């Protein structure tokens, strides 16, 4: 019997080598001591970059779609002074995590993250998530609140409103691993972040990794993040903070923040000045300070 293809899959062996070289180049400049760890979950192998004191409160860091754990490189020094940080490669997406089957829905993702917490021997944790990672963070707080202390959502997709999620158009993803489409205007296939209207990232080495990502991967596992009902949002017992960059292009930041807080009255929120969709990278010191103040109010 033929063994199942592991996801994400690369177009060629050379593409795999280019991507892994770019990933490892980022780790050479990781600003604090770290461990690369791999955990077996019920959905496959999950790769984690762990930093910070072993006895500090745990903090999971979930990246933007295809961003990998390395998207947090500019934040990790500040956060790991206060937390044992676990930057996660989302399973089935670009990075070093692997799954033999695509995850089908939000419930699969909640089970996967619960399995990861079990493997890490973490009973409860806080989560910071950017973009798709923001969806995963609040999804976990909704479905498994007993395992979550607090969540920070940075420009999440789905959850509060349906959006045209541009980054879906970067990759060939086939249903149930969605298939790559062309941009709606001009029929042009994007080959760079600039083609998607995304400003060059502050972390140039992460930008090099994303350039390798766009040409390396053939198939991966991802779902379209759903919009949560107002009833579900109001039932979430976990304290949450929403951060949106003032240069967010997917939606109007102020209108989105106002709408989100109307639907989820206990939600705290703020607009981050001079920041785009990946606000934590654009303004790492500002975002780190907001994260730490929200997660550790006793330190104020």
Protein backbone atom coordinates (compact mmCIF):
# COMPACT_ATOMS: atom_id res chain seq x y z
CA UNK A 1 0.00 0.00 0.00
CA UNK A 2 1.29 3.45 -0.92
CA UNK A 3 2.08 5.64 2.09
CA UNK A 4 0.05 8.89 2.28
CA UNK A 5 1.59 12.12 1.06
CA UNK A 6 2.62 14.31 3.97
CA UNK A 7 1.28 17.84 4.03
CA UNK A 8 2.56 20.35 3.29
CA UNK A 9 4.24 18.87 0.24
CA UNK A 10 6.98 20.48 -1.84
CA UNK A 11 7.07 20.82 -5.61
CA UNK A 12 10.59 19.39 -5.83
CA UNK A 13 13.43 18.26 -3.60
CA UNK A 14 15.30 21.43 -4.58
CA UNK A 15 12.35 23.55 -3.43
CA UNK A 16 12.40 21.74 -0.10
CA UNK A 17 16.11 22.45 0.30
CA UNK A 18 15.67 26.16 -0.51
CA UNK A 19 12.84 26.52 1.97
CA UNK A 20 14.58 24.69 4.80
CA UNK A 21 17.75 26.68 4.23
CA UNK A 22 15.81 29.94 4.50
CA UNK A 23 14.00 28.70 7.63
CA UNK A 24 17.26 27.66 9.30
CA UNK A 25 18.89 30.98 8.34
CA UNK A 26 16.28 32.74 10.46
CA UNK A 27 17.04 30.49 13.40
CA UNK A 28 20.74 31.36 13.19
CA UNK A 29 19.69 34.89 14.18
CA UNK A 30 17.09 33.88 16.80
CA UNK A 31 17.81 36.51 19.46
CA UNK A 32 17.62 34.24 22.53
CA UNK A 33 18.53 30.61 23.30
CA UNK A 34 15.96 28.23 21.88
CA UNK A 35 15.05 24.59 21.37
CA UNK A 36 13.49 23.06 18.28
CA UNK A 37 11.00 20.45 19.44
CA UNK A 38 8.74 18.00 17.61
CA UNK A 39 5.64 16.51 19.21
CA UNK A 40 3.44 13.67 18.02
CA UNK A 41 -0.25 14.59 18.03
CA UNK A 42 -3.29 12.74 16.72
CA UNK A 43 -2.98 14.73 13.47
CA UNK A 44 0.76 14.29 12.90
CA UNK A 45 4.05 15.83 13.96
CA UNK A 46 4.03 19.43 15.27
CA UNK A 47 7.18 21.55 15.27
CA UNK A 48 7.73 24.15 18.00
CA UNK A 49 10.47 26.70 18.71
CA UNK A 50 10.69 27.05 22.51
CA UNK A 51 12.38 29.95 24.31
CA UNK A 52 12.39 31.54 27.74
CA UNK A 53 12.63 30.25 31.32
CA UNK A 54 11.25 26.76 31.91
CA UNK A 55 9.42 27.92 35.05
CA UNK A 56 7.80 30.99 33.45
CA UNK A 57 4.10 31.06 32.43
CA UNK A 58 3.56 29.40 29.07
CA UNK A 59 2.59 31.36 25.95
CA UNK A 60 1.69 29.81 22.58
CA UNK A 61 2.47 31.92 19.51
CA UNK A 62 0.43 31.04 16.39
CA UNK A 63 1.51 32.59 13.07
CA UNK A 64 -0.26 34.10 10.11
CA UNK A 65 -1.23 31.76 7.27
CA UNK A 66 1.98 30.17 5.89
CA UNK A 67 4.08 32.46 8.10
CA UNK A 68 5.54 29.64 10.25
CA UNK A 69 6.81 29.98 13.80
CA UNK A 70 9.60 32.23 12.54
CA UNK A 71 7.21 35.15 12.06
CA UNK A 72 7.70 35.88 15.79
CA UNK A 73 11.48 36.39 15.61
CA UNK A 74 11.34 40.15 16.32
CA UNK A 75 9.02 39.62 19.30
CA UNK A 76 10.67 36.66 20.96
CA UNK A 77 13.34 38.46 23.00
CA UNK A 78 10.83 40.73 24.71
CA UNK A 79 8.20 38.06 25.28
CA UNK A 80 10.58 35.35 26.49
CA UNK A 81 11.71 37.58 29.36
CA UNK A 82 8.26 37.04 30.86
CA UNK A 83 7.04 33.74 29.38
CA UNK A 84 8.11 30.30 28.27
CA UNK A 85 7.22 30.89 24.63
CA UNK A 86 6.26 28.19 22.15
CA UNK A 87 6.24 29.46 18.57
CA UNK A 88 4.28 26.89 16.57
CA UNK A 89 4.40 25.77 12.94
CA UNK A 90 0.68 25.27 12.21
CA UNK A 91 0.22 21.68 11.14
CA UNK A 92 -0.18 21.14 7.40
CA UNK A 93 1.04 24.66 6.56
CA UNK A 94 4.56 25.79 5.55
CA UNK A 95 7.05 25.03 8.28
CA UNK A 96 8.32 21.81 9.80
CA UNK A 97 5.04 20.33 11.05
CA UNK A 98 3.62 17.42 9.02
CA UNK A 99 0.25 15.69 8.70
CA UNK A 100 -0.82 12.73 6.54
CA UNK A 101 -4.38 14.07 6.22
CA UNK A 102 -5.83 17.55 5.77
CA UNK A 103 -7.58 19.03 8.77
CA UNK A 104 -11.25 19.32 7.83
CA UNK A 105 -12.75 22.00 10.06
CA UNK A 106 -12.34 24.20 13.11
CA UNK A 107 -13.02 21.24 15.41
CA UNK A 108 -10.02 19.36 13.99
CA UNK A 109 -7.82 22.39 14.70
CA UNK A 110 -9.11 22.58 18.29
CA UNK A 111 -8.35 18.88 18.81
CA UNK A 112 -4.90 19.34 17.29
CA UNK A 113 -4.02 22.24 19.63
CA UNK A 114 -5.40 20.35 22.62
CA UNK A 115 -3.16 17.42 21.68
CA UNK A 116 -0.19 19.77 21.44
CA UNK A 117 -0.90 21.17 24.93
CA UNK A 118 -1.08 17.61 26.24
CA UNK A 119 2.25 16.79 24.59
CA UNK A 120 3.78 19.92 26.15
CA UNK A 121 2.28 18.96 29.56
CA UNK A 122 0.51 22.32 29.71
CA UNK A 123 -2.81 22.32 31.56
CA UNK A 124 -3.72 25.94 30.74
CA UNK A 125 -2.02 28.57 28.63
CA UNK A 126 -2.47 31.93 26.96
CA UNK A 127 -2.28 32.25 23.19
CA UNK A 128 -1.23 35.04 20.83
CA UNK A 129 -2.35 34.55 17.24
CA UNK A 130 -1.79 36.62 14.11
CA UNK A 131 -4.23 36.49 11.15
CA UNK A 132 -5.10 32.77 10.71
CA UNK A 133 -3.41 32.21 14.05
CA UNK A 134 -5.83 34.71 15.59
CA UNK A 135 -8.71 32.63 14.32
CA UNK A 136 -7.10 29.51 15.83
CA UNK A 137 -6.61 31.27 19.19
CA UNK A 138 -10.23 32.38 19.62
CA UNK A 139 -11.48 29.11 18.18
CA UNK A 140 -9.61 27.31 20.97
CA UNK A 141 -11.02 29.69 23.58
CA UNK A 142 -14.52 28.99 22.27
CA UNK A 143 -14.29 25.20 22.00
CA UNK A 144 -11.80 24.40 24.81
CA UNK A 145 -12.01 27.32 27.26
CA UNK A 146 -10.93 25.18 30.20
CA UNK A 147 -7.42 25.00 28.69
CA UNK A 148 -7.04 28.74 27.95
CA UNK A 149 -6.20 31.67 30.24
CA UNK A 150 -6.24 34.64 27.83
CA UNK A 151 -5.99 35.24 24.09
CA UNK A 152 -4.58 38.07 21.98
CA UNK A 153 -5.84 38.36 18.41
CA UNK A 154 -3.73 40.33 15.93
CA UNK A 155 -5.70 41.16 12.76
CA UNK A 156 -7.58 37.83 12.83
CA UNK A 157 -9.29 36.49 9.72
CA UNK A 158 -12.85 35.25 9.92
CA UNK A 159 -14.32 35.31 13.47
CA UNK A 160 -15.94 38.76 13.41
CA UNK A 161 -16.70 39.27 9.71
CA UNK A 162 -16.32 37.50 6.39
CA UNK A 163 -13.34 38.80 4.44
CA UNK A 164 -11.67 38.28 1.13
CA UNK A 165 -8.59 36.53 2.47
CA UNK A 166 -5.89 37.49 0.02
CA UNK A 167 -3.28 35.06 1.19
CA UNK A 168 -5.41 32.14 0.03
CA UNK A 169 -4.41 33.19 -3.47
CA UNK A 170 -0.73 32.59 -2.93
CA UNK A 171 -0.82 28.81 -2.96
CA UNK A 172 -2.28 25.96 -5.02
CA UNK A 173 -4.57 24.37 -2.47
CA UNK A 174 -7.12 21.78 -3.58
CA UNK A 175 -10.42 21.06 -1.86
CA UNK A 176 -10.69 19.81 0.80
CA UNK A 177 -7.27 21.38 0.58
CA UNK A 178 -8.62 24.39 -1.42
CA UNK A 179 -7.28 24.92 -4.95
CA UNK A 180 -5.22 27.95 -5.89
CA UNK A 181 -7.14 30.57 -7.83
CA UNK A 182 -5.95 33.55 -9.76
CA UNK A 183 -6.36 37.08 -8.51
CA UNK A 184 -9.76 38.49 -9.32
CA UNK A 185 -8.28 41.43 -11.20
CA UNK A 186 -6.25 40.77 -14.32
CA UNK A 187 -6.02 37.03 -13.80
CA UNK A 188 -2.45 37.42 -12.59
CA UNK A 189 -0.97 34.78 -10.34
CA UNK A 190 0.85 36.47 -7.42
CA UNK A 191 4.50 35.58 -7.03
CA UNK A 192 5.49 37.98 -4.27
CA UNK A 193 4.12 39.84 -1.27
CA UNK A 194 4.12 43.01 -3.38
CA UNK A 195 1.67 41.38 -5.81
CA UNK A 196 -0.71 41.01 -2.88
CA UNK A 197 -0.42 44.64 -1.81
CA UNK A 198 1.60 43.69 1.26
CA UNK A 199 4.41 46.03 2.27
CA UNK A 200 7.93 44.58 2.52
CA UNK A 201 8.31 43.02 5.98
CA UNK A 202 10.50 44.64 8.60
CA UNK A 203 12.30 41.31 9.04
CA UNK A 204 14.14 40.89 5.73
CA UNK A 205 15.16 37.30 6.47
CA UNK A 206 11.55 36.38 7.12
CA UNK A 207 10.76 38.06 3.81
CA UNK A 208 13.30 35.79 2.14
CA UNK A 209 11.61 32.79 3.73
CA UNK A 210 8.23 33.92 2.40
CA UNK A 211 9.72 34.34 -1.08
CA UNK A 212 10.92 30.74 -0.87
CA UNK A 213 7.49 29.71 0.43
CA UNK A 214 5.68 31.08 -2.61
CA UNK A 215 7.70 28.97 -5.00
CA UNK A 216 8.25 25.85 -2.90
CA UNK A 217 4.94 24.31 -1.89
CA UNK A 218 2.58 22.18 -3.97
CA UNK A 219 -0.13 21.25 -1.45
CA UNK A 220 -1.03 22.02 2.13
CA UNK A 221 -3.87 21.81 4.63
CA UNK A 222 -5.98 24.85 5.53
CA UNK A 223 -9.62 25.82 5.98
CA UNK A 224 -11.47 29.07 5.36
CA UNK A 225 -11.93 30.66 8.81
CA UNK A 226 -15.65 30.97 9.60
CA UNK A 227 -17.49 33.91 11.11
CA UNK A 228 -18.61 33.18 14.69
CA UNK A 229 -22.18 33.93 15.69
CA UNK A 230 -22.80 36.76 18.15
CA UNK A 231 -24.17 34.21 20.61
CA UNK A 232 -20.96 32.19 20.42
CA UNK A 233 -18.76 35.26 20.79
CA UNK A 234 -20.64 36.42 23.88
CA UNK A 235 -20.44 32.96 25.43
CA UNK A 236 -16.62 32.82 25.32
CA UNK A 237 -15.49 33.10 28.97
CA UNK A 238 -11.82 33.76 28.18
CA UNK A 239 -10.52 37.38 28.35
CA UNK A 240 -9.51 38.53 24.86
CA UNK A 241 -7.59 41.44 23.34
CA UNK A 242 -7.94 42.48 19.69
CA UNK A 243 -5.08 44.42 18.05
CA UNK A 244 -5.34 45.80 14.50
CA UNK A 245 -2.67 47.76 12.64
CA UNK A 246 -3.78 51.19 11.44
CA UNK A 247 -2.51 50.29 7.94
CA UNK A 248 -4.58 47.07 7.75
CA UNK A 249 -5.78 46.62 4.14
CA UNK A 250 -8.28 43.78 4.50
CA UNK A 251 -10.83 45.99 6.26
CA UNK A 252 -11.19 49.38 7.95
CA UNK A 253 -9.42 48.97 11.32
CA UNK A 254 -11.62 51.30 13.36
CA UNK A 255 -14.87 49.97 11.91
CA UNK A 256 -13.77 46.37 12.49
CA UNK A 257 -12.75 47.07 16.09
CA UNK A 258 -16.05 48.82 16.80
CA UNK A 259 -18.06 45.99 15.22
CA UNK A 260 -16.10 43.29 17.07
CA UNK A 261 -16.60 44.97 20.46
CA UNK A 262 -20.30 45.42 19.77
CA UNK A 263 -20.66 41.69 19.09
CA UNK A 264 -18.33 40.69 21.97
CA UNK A 265 -18.80 43.34 24.68
CA UNK A 266 -16.06 42.07 27.01
CA UNK A 267 -13.44 42.22 24.22
CA UNK A 268 -10.63 44.71 24.79
CA UNK A 269 -9.08 46.28 21.71
CA UNK A 270 -6.73 48.86 20.25
CA UNK A 271 -5.41 50.17 16.93
CA UNK A 272 -1.61 49.83 16.63
CA UNK A 273 -0.04 52.93 15.02
CA UNK A 274 2.21 52.55 11.97
CA UNK A 275 1.47 48.84 11.66
CA UNK A 276 0.13 46.64 8.86
CA UNK A 277 -1.57 43.22 8.90
CA UNK A 278 1.35 41.62 10.75
CA UNK A 279 1.43 44.29 13.43
CA UNK A 280 3.65 42.29 15.78
CA UNK A 281 6.45 42.39 13.21
CA UNK A 282 5.81 45.97 12.12
CA UNK A 283 5.88 47.33 15.70
CA UNK A 284 7.36 44.59 17.90
CA UNK A 285 8.11 46.73 20.97
CA UNK A 286 4.65 48.33 20.99
CA UNK A 287 2.83 45.03 20.46
CA UNK A 288 4.99 43.19 23.00
CA UNK A 289 4.18 45.84 25.60
CA UNK A 290 0.45 45.50 24.91
CA UNK A 291 0.67 41.70 25.14
CA UNK A 292 2.58 41.74 28.42
CA UNK A 293 0.27 44.32 30.04
CA UNK A 294 -2.79 42.29 29.05
CA UNK A 295 -1.40 38.92 30.13
CA UNK A 296 0.30 40.11 33.32
CA UNK A 297 -1.77 42.98 34.73
CA UNK A 298 -0.29 42.34 38.18
CA UNK A 299 3.08 43.58 36.85
CA UNK A 300 1.71 47.06 36.07
